[in-house]
């Protein structure tokens, strides 16, 4: 029988409602002061859309270690959650400048997040690409061809750009494969500029993606460094680096955050007042000058 992660890594923890409210208030204040905020999203953001996570009690890898299979979900029919919509709204009002996601479900794009605002480090099940001319095709269906070898990404369709006609490939990144250079480079640039990083629903164990919030956490220990916030039900290896650690479901947290920031359609908890976005200080896209980072290897790997 396969040996999975220890029970301590699978167990979910929940902060009390009053504790979550207090932490949301502090995070809202950090966001209004930050000139460049990045969101780092994982599978926990999409569980309320009916998509299983990987490391939760009913997660894909947890069940696999028990000799079981998680329920198969048609990602093409999944719809953005409240959490995805809040992420999009935070981008629209300038409180978030970039989203880096490990998710392949395409829900950020379906929520209306623009391509240049998003780095999908592990690909997108609805996206197929032409490696010859660089054209991308966002489909309403799953692009990966059933029966393909794990490293065979040909979809059976061809590029429609002029006379190109090259084979199209799905964009999913499997273990031992390199991350997409364009997305990874954009994520590195965003994280280098970040004054605040908020992790949403990620175990922060799959690298090199998880190296990005770790760099923020490491820099947070220096005077005037960026802040790392982690919102996840389970422990993560980066908890020790977090300025604020929230144990809550991402939809619950983001709904409370939206209310605290007085976003339309959300009601603030009665024991606290909304944090107002300063009218005289509009968050901007440029952020401060990028800081140099040590190179990160671009091949997908997992920390056990």
Protein backbone atom coordinates (compact mmCIF):
# COMPACT_ATOMS: atom_id res chain seq x y z
CA UNK A 1 0.00 0.00 0.00
CA UNK A 2 1.26 3.48 -0.83
CA UNK A 3 2.42 5.61 2.06
CA UNK A 4 0.87 9.05 1.94
CA UNK A 5 1.67 12.23 3.84
CA UNK A 6 1.31 12.24 7.64
CA UNK A 7 -2.14 12.89 9.07
CA UNK A 8 -0.92 16.25 10.37
CA UNK A 9 -0.57 17.49 6.77
CA UNK A 10 -4.05 16.31 5.78
CA UNK A 11 -5.94 17.58 8.82
CA UNK A 12 -7.95 20.74 8.29
CA UNK A 13 -7.96 23.54 10.85
CA UNK A 14 -10.58 26.26 11.25
CA UNK A 15 -10.15 29.63 12.93
CA UNK A 16 -13.20 30.90 14.80
CA UNK A 17 -15.37 33.41 13.01
CA UNK A 18 -14.22 36.25 15.26
CA UNK A 19 -10.56 35.36 14.67
CA UNK A 20 -11.07 35.30 10.89
CA UNK A 21 -12.82 38.68 11.07
CA UNK A 22 -9.93 40.19 13.02
CA UNK A 23 -7.36 38.83 10.55
CA UNK A 24 -9.41 40.00 7.57
CA UNK A 25 -9.42 43.51 9.05
CA UNK A 26 -5.61 43.50 9.30
CA UNK A 27 -5.18 42.08 5.79
CA UNK A 28 -7.51 44.71 4.34
CA UNK A 29 -5.32 47.40 5.89
CA UNK A 30 -2.20 45.79 4.38
CA UNK A 31 -3.86 45.77 0.96
CA UNK A 32 -4.76 49.46 1.05
CA UNK A 33 -1.14 50.32 1.91
CA UNK A 34 0.47 48.00 -0.66
CA UNK A 35 1.39 49.41 -4.06
CA UNK A 36 1.79 45.95 -5.61
CA UNK A 37 -0.13 42.90 -4.39
CA UNK A 38 -0.05 39.43 -5.91
CA UNK A 39 -2.47 36.57 -5.31
CA UNK A 40 -1.13 33.00 -5.39
CA UNK A 41 -4.03 30.59 -5.87
CA UNK A 42 -4.28 26.85 -5.45
CA UNK A 43 -6.85 24.06 -5.58
CA UNK A 44 -8.60 25.26 -2.42
CA UNK A 45 -9.99 28.21 -4.37
CA UNK A 46 -11.97 25.90 -6.66
CA UNK A 47 -13.36 23.27 -4.27
CA UNK A 48 -16.67 25.14 -3.96
CA UNK A 49 -17.00 24.77 -7.75
CA UNK A 50 -17.10 21.00 -7.19
CA UNK A 51 -13.48 20.43 -8.15
CA UNK A 52 -11.57 18.30 -5.61
CA UNK A 53 -8.32 19.57 -4.15
CA UNK A 54 -5.20 17.40 -3.93
CA UNK A 55 -4.19 17.18 -0.27
CA UNK A 56 -7.46 17.59 1.62
CA UNK A 57 -9.19 14.66 3.38
CA UNK A 58 -10.98 13.87 0.09
CA UNK A 59 -8.21 15.18 -2.15
CA UNK A 60 -7.01 13.49 -5.33
CA UNK A 61 -3.62 12.49 -3.95
CA UNK A 62 -4.96 11.67 -0.48
CA UNK A 63 -7.45 9.18 -1.94
CA UNK A 64 -4.85 7.80 -4.35
CA UNK A 65 -2.59 7.00 -1.40
CA UNK A 66 -5.54 5.06 0.06
CA UNK A 67 -6.02 3.11 -3.15
CA UNK A 68 -9.13 5.12 -4.06
CA UNK A 69 -10.04 7.49 -6.87
CA UNK A 70 -11.49 10.95 -6.54
CA UNK A 71 -14.71 11.72 -8.39
CA UNK A 72 -13.96 12.77 -11.95
CA UNK A 73 -15.13 16.28 -12.75
CA UNK A 74 -15.85 17.85 -16.13
CA UNK A 75 -13.83 21.04 -15.79
CA UNK A 76 -15.37 22.51 -18.93
CA UNK A 77 -18.71 22.83 -17.14
CA UNK A 78 -17.30 24.29 -13.90
CA UNK A 79 -18.16 27.92 -13.16
CA UNK A 80 -16.18 30.57 -11.26
CA UNK A 81 -16.87 30.71 -7.53
CA UNK A 82 -17.52 33.69 -5.30
CA UNK A 83 -13.79 33.61 -4.57
CA UNK A 84 -12.84 33.87 -8.24
CA UNK A 85 -15.22 36.80 -8.67
CA UNK A 86 -13.72 38.63 -5.70
CA UNK A 87 -10.21 38.08 -7.10
CA UNK A 88 -11.37 39.62 -10.39
CA UNK A 89 -12.96 42.59 -8.60
CA UNK A 90 -9.78 43.22 -6.60
CA UNK A 91 -7.88 43.39 -9.90
CA UNK A 92 -10.46 45.74 -11.38
CA UNK A 93 -10.24 48.27 -8.53
CA UNK A 94 -6.44 48.16 -8.41
CA UNK A 95 -5.94 46.49 -5.02
CA UNK A 96 -4.36 43.46 -6.74
CA UNK A 97 -1.91 43.76 -9.64
CA UNK A 98 -1.31 40.11 -10.62
CA UNK A 99 -2.61 36.59 -10.03
CA UNK A 100 -0.34 33.56 -10.17
CA UNK A 101 -2.26 30.29 -10.19
CA UNK A 102 -1.40 26.62 -9.95
CA UNK A 103 -4.88 25.65 -11.09
CA UNK A 104 -5.60 24.20 -14.53
CA UNK A 105 -9.39 24.62 -14.36
CA UNK A 106 -9.50 27.89 -16.30
CA UNK A 107 -11.85 29.54 -13.79
CA UNK A 108 -9.79 32.71 -13.42
CA UNK A 109 -10.09 33.33 -17.17
CA UNK A 110 -13.76 32.41 -17.13
CA UNK A 111 -14.29 35.02 -14.39
CA UNK A 112 -12.94 37.66 -16.77
CA UNK A 113 -9.31 37.95 -15.64
CA UNK A 114 -7.26 39.15 -18.59
CA UNK A 115 -4.33 37.14 -19.91
CA UNK A 116 -1.70 39.75 -18.97
CA UNK A 117 -3.01 39.83 -15.38
CA UNK A 118 -2.59 36.09 -14.88
CA UNK A 119 0.21 33.52 -14.79
CA UNK A 120 -1.06 29.93 -15.06
CA UNK A 121 2.03 28.00 -14.04
CA UNK A 122 0.59 24.52 -14.53
CA UNK A 123 -1.37 25.23 -17.67
CA UNK A 124 -5.06 25.50 -18.49
CA UNK A 125 -7.26 22.59 -19.49
CA UNK A 126 -9.15 24.82 -21.96
CA UNK A 127 -6.05 26.27 -23.61
CA UNK A 128 -4.14 24.83 -26.55
CA UNK A 129 -1.13 26.48 -28.13
CA UNK A 130 0.85 26.50 -31.35
CA UNK A 131 4.54 26.00 -30.67
CA UNK A 132 5.39 27.19 -34.15
CA UNK A 133 3.84 30.68 -34.25
CA UNK A 134 2.80 31.10 -30.61
CA UNK A 135 -0.94 31.38 -31.25
CA UNK A 136 -3.22 30.43 -28.35
CA UNK A 137 -6.76 29.07 -28.50
CA UNK A 138 -9.04 29.24 -25.44
CA UNK A 139 -11.70 26.58 -25.90
CA UNK A 140 -15.00 25.79 -24.20
CA UNK A 141 -13.91 22.15 -23.90
CA UNK A 142 -11.03 20.12 -22.49
CA UNK A 143 -8.15 20.30 -24.94
CA UNK A 144 -6.14 17.27 -23.88
CA UNK A 145 -6.70 14.24 -26.09
CA UNK A 146 -7.81 11.13 -24.22
CA UNK A 147 -5.41 8.22 -24.41
CA UNK A 148 -2.30 10.30 -25.00
CA UNK A 149 0.92 9.33 -23.25
CA UNK A 150 1.49 11.63 -20.27
CA UNK A 151 4.10 13.66 -22.16
CA UNK A 152 2.30 13.66 -25.52
CA UNK A 153 0.49 16.99 -25.65
CA UNK A 154 -0.74 16.92 -29.26
CA UNK A 155 -4.46 17.64 -29.40
CA UNK A 156 -5.14 16.47 -32.96
CA UNK A 157 -6.07 19.99 -34.08
CA UNK A 158 -4.03 22.41 -36.15
CA UNK A 159 -3.19 26.11 -36.04
CA UNK A 160 -5.60 28.37 -37.89
CA UNK A 161 -3.21 31.32 -38.29
CA UNK A 162 -2.72 31.91 -42.01
CA UNK A 163 -0.57 29.21 -43.56
CA UNK A 164 0.90 28.00 -40.25
CA UNK A 165 -1.15 24.81 -39.91
CA UNK A 166 1.24 23.43 -37.24
CA UNK A 167 0.01 20.86 -34.69
CA UNK A 168 -1.60 22.31 -31.58
CA UNK A 169 -0.62 21.16 -28.08
CA UNK A 170 -2.51 21.25 -24.81
CA UNK A 171 -0.97 23.51 -22.18
CA UNK A 172 -1.07 21.17 -19.16
CA UNK A 173 2.21 20.80 -17.29
CA UNK A 174 2.95 17.34 -15.88
CA UNK A 175 5.65 16.38 -13.39
CA UNK A 176 9.21 16.64 -14.77
CA UNK A 177 8.07 19.09 -17.45
CA UNK A 178 9.21 22.70 -17.59
CA UNK A 179 6.81 25.43 -16.60
CA UNK A 180 5.59 27.69 -19.44
CA UNK A 181 8.34 30.29 -19.84
CA UNK A 182 6.06 33.26 -20.55
CA UNK A 183 3.85 32.66 -17.52
CA UNK A 184 6.73 31.80 -15.21
CA UNK A 185 8.71 34.87 -16.24
CA UNK A 186 5.66 37.09 -15.70
CA UNK A 187 5.11 35.55 -12.27
CA UNK A 188 8.75 36.09 -11.29
CA UNK A 189 8.53 39.73 -12.36
CA UNK A 190 5.33 40.23 -10.34
CA UNK A 191 6.74 38.58 -7.23
CA UNK A 192 9.94 40.61 -7.46
CA UNK A 193 7.83 43.80 -7.38
CA UNK A 194 5.36 42.59 -4.75
CA UNK A 195 4.91 44.35 -1.43
CA UNK A 196 2.22 41.85 -0.41
CA UNK A 197 1.49 38.25 -1.42
CA UNK A 198 -1.73 36.49 -0.41
CA UNK A 199 -1.77 32.70 -0.78
CA UNK A 200 -5.29 31.34 -1.34
CA UNK A 201 -5.98 27.63 -0.96
CA UNK A 202 -2.52 26.23 -1.65
CA UNK A 203 -0.43 23.75 0.32
CA UNK A 204 2.70 25.52 -1.02
CA UNK A 205 4.41 22.18 -1.62
CA UNK A 206 4.69 21.93 -5.40
CA UNK A 207 7.80 23.63 -6.68
CA UNK A 208 9.11 25.66 -8.43
CA UNK A 209 5.75 27.47 -8.16
CA UNK A 210 5.91 27.43 -4.35
CA UNK A 211 9.37 28.96 -4.45
CA UNK A 212 7.69 32.26 -5.36
CA UNK A 213 5.72 32.84 -2.11
CA UNK A 214 8.67 31.39 -0.19
CA UNK A 215 10.87 34.17 -1.60
CA UNK A 216 8.32 36.72 -0.37
CA UNK A 217 8.28 35.12 3.07
CA UNK A 218 12.06 35.11 3.25
CA UNK A 219 12.26 38.77 2.24
CA UNK A 220 9.56 39.63 4.79
CA UNK A 221 12.08 39.00 7.54
CA UNK A 222 14.13 41.98 6.38
CA UNK A 223 13.22 45.49 7.50
CA UNK A 224 10.67 47.00 5.16
CA UNK A 225 10.33 43.74 3.26
CA UNK A 226 7.12 42.46 1.63
CA UNK A 227 4.44 40.66 3.64
CA UNK A 228 3.23 37.08 3.14
CA UNK A 229 -0.34 36.10 4.04
CA UNK A 230 -1.44 32.46 3.82
CA UNK A 231 -5.10 31.38 3.73
CA UNK A 232 -5.35 27.59 3.76
CA UNK A 233 -7.12 24.99 5.90
CA UNK A 234 -4.04 22.77 6.23
CA UNK A 235 -0.54 23.46 7.44
CA UNK A 236 1.99 24.52 4.83
CA UNK A 237 5.80 24.50 4.94
CA UNK A 238 5.72 28.30 4.60
CA UNK A 239 3.57 28.99 7.68
CA UNK A 240 6.65 30.00 9.66
CA UNK A 241 7.31 32.79 7.14
CA UNK A 242 3.77 34.21 7.09
CA UNK A 243 3.01 37.59 8.64
CA UNK A 244 -0.64 36.55 8.95
CA UNK A 245 -1.92 32.96 8.83
CA UNK A 246 -5.64 32.30 8.28
CA UNK A 247 -7.29 28.89 8.61
CA UNK A 248 -10.51 29.33 6.63
CA UNK A 249 -12.18 28.33 3.39
CA UNK A 250 -11.15 30.68 0.59
CA UNK A 251 -14.70 31.65 -0.40
CA UNK A 252 -15.49 32.53 3.22
CA UNK A 253 -12.29 34.53 3.60
CA UNK A 254 -12.66 36.39 0.30
CA UNK A 255 -16.32 37.22 0.98
CA UNK A 256 -15.33 38.73 4.32
CA UNK A 257 -12.42 40.58 2.72
CA UNK A 258 -14.71 41.97 0.01
CA UNK A 259 -17.12 43.22 2.66
CA UNK A 260 -14.30 44.72 4.70
CA UNK A 261 -13.11 46.60 1.60
CA UNK A 262 -16.71 47.72 0.92
CA UNK A 263 -16.96 45.99 -2.45
CA UNK A 264 -20.50 46.12 -3.88
CA UNK A 265 -22.74 43.22 -2.88
CA UNK A 266 -20.90 42.24 0.30
CA UNK A 267 -21.89 43.09 3.87
CA UNK A 268 -19.30 43.72 6.57
CA UNK A 269 -19.52 41.81 9.86
CA UNK A 270 -21.31 43.90 12.53
CA UNK A 271 -18.35 44.00 14.93
CA UNK A 272 -16.06 45.82 12.49
CA UNK A 273 -16.14 48.79 10.15
CA UNK A 274 -15.19 48.65 6.46
CA UNK A 275 -11.65 49.60 5.54
CA UNK A 276 -11.84 52.36 2.95
CA UNK A 277 -9.53 52.44 -0.06
CA UNK A 278 -7.78 55.85 0.14
CA UNK A 279 -9.23 58.10 -2.56
CA UNK A 280 -5.99 60.05 -2.82
CA UNK A 281 -3.77 57.00 -3.29
CA UNK A 282 -4.86 54.82 -6.16
CA UNK A 283 -2.90 51.53 -6.28
CA UNK A 284 -0.94 51.29 -9.52
CA UNK A 285 0.27 48.54 -11.79
CA UNK A 286 3.93 49.43 -11.93
CA UNK A 287 4.80 48.86 -8.30
CA UNK A 288 8.30 49.53 -7.08
CA UNK A 289 11.41 48.53 -9.01
CA UNK A 290 11.92 44.80 -9.34
CA UNK A 291 14.36 43.28 -6.88
CA UNK A 292 16.84 40.68 -7.98
CA UNK A 293 16.00 37.10 -7.10
CA UNK A 294 18.03 33.94 -7.20
CA UNK A 295 17.19 31.87 -10.29
CA UNK A 296 14.43 29.30 -9.88
CA UNK A 297 14.56 26.08 -11.87
CA UNK A 298 11.51 25.82 -14.10
CA UNK A 299 10.79 22.08 -13.89
CA UNK A 300 7.73 20.92 -11.97
CA UNK A 301 8.53 18.92 -8.88
CA UNK A 302 6.80 18.10 -5.62
CA UNK A 303 7.99 18.26 -2.04
CA UNK A 304 6.98 15.21 -0.03
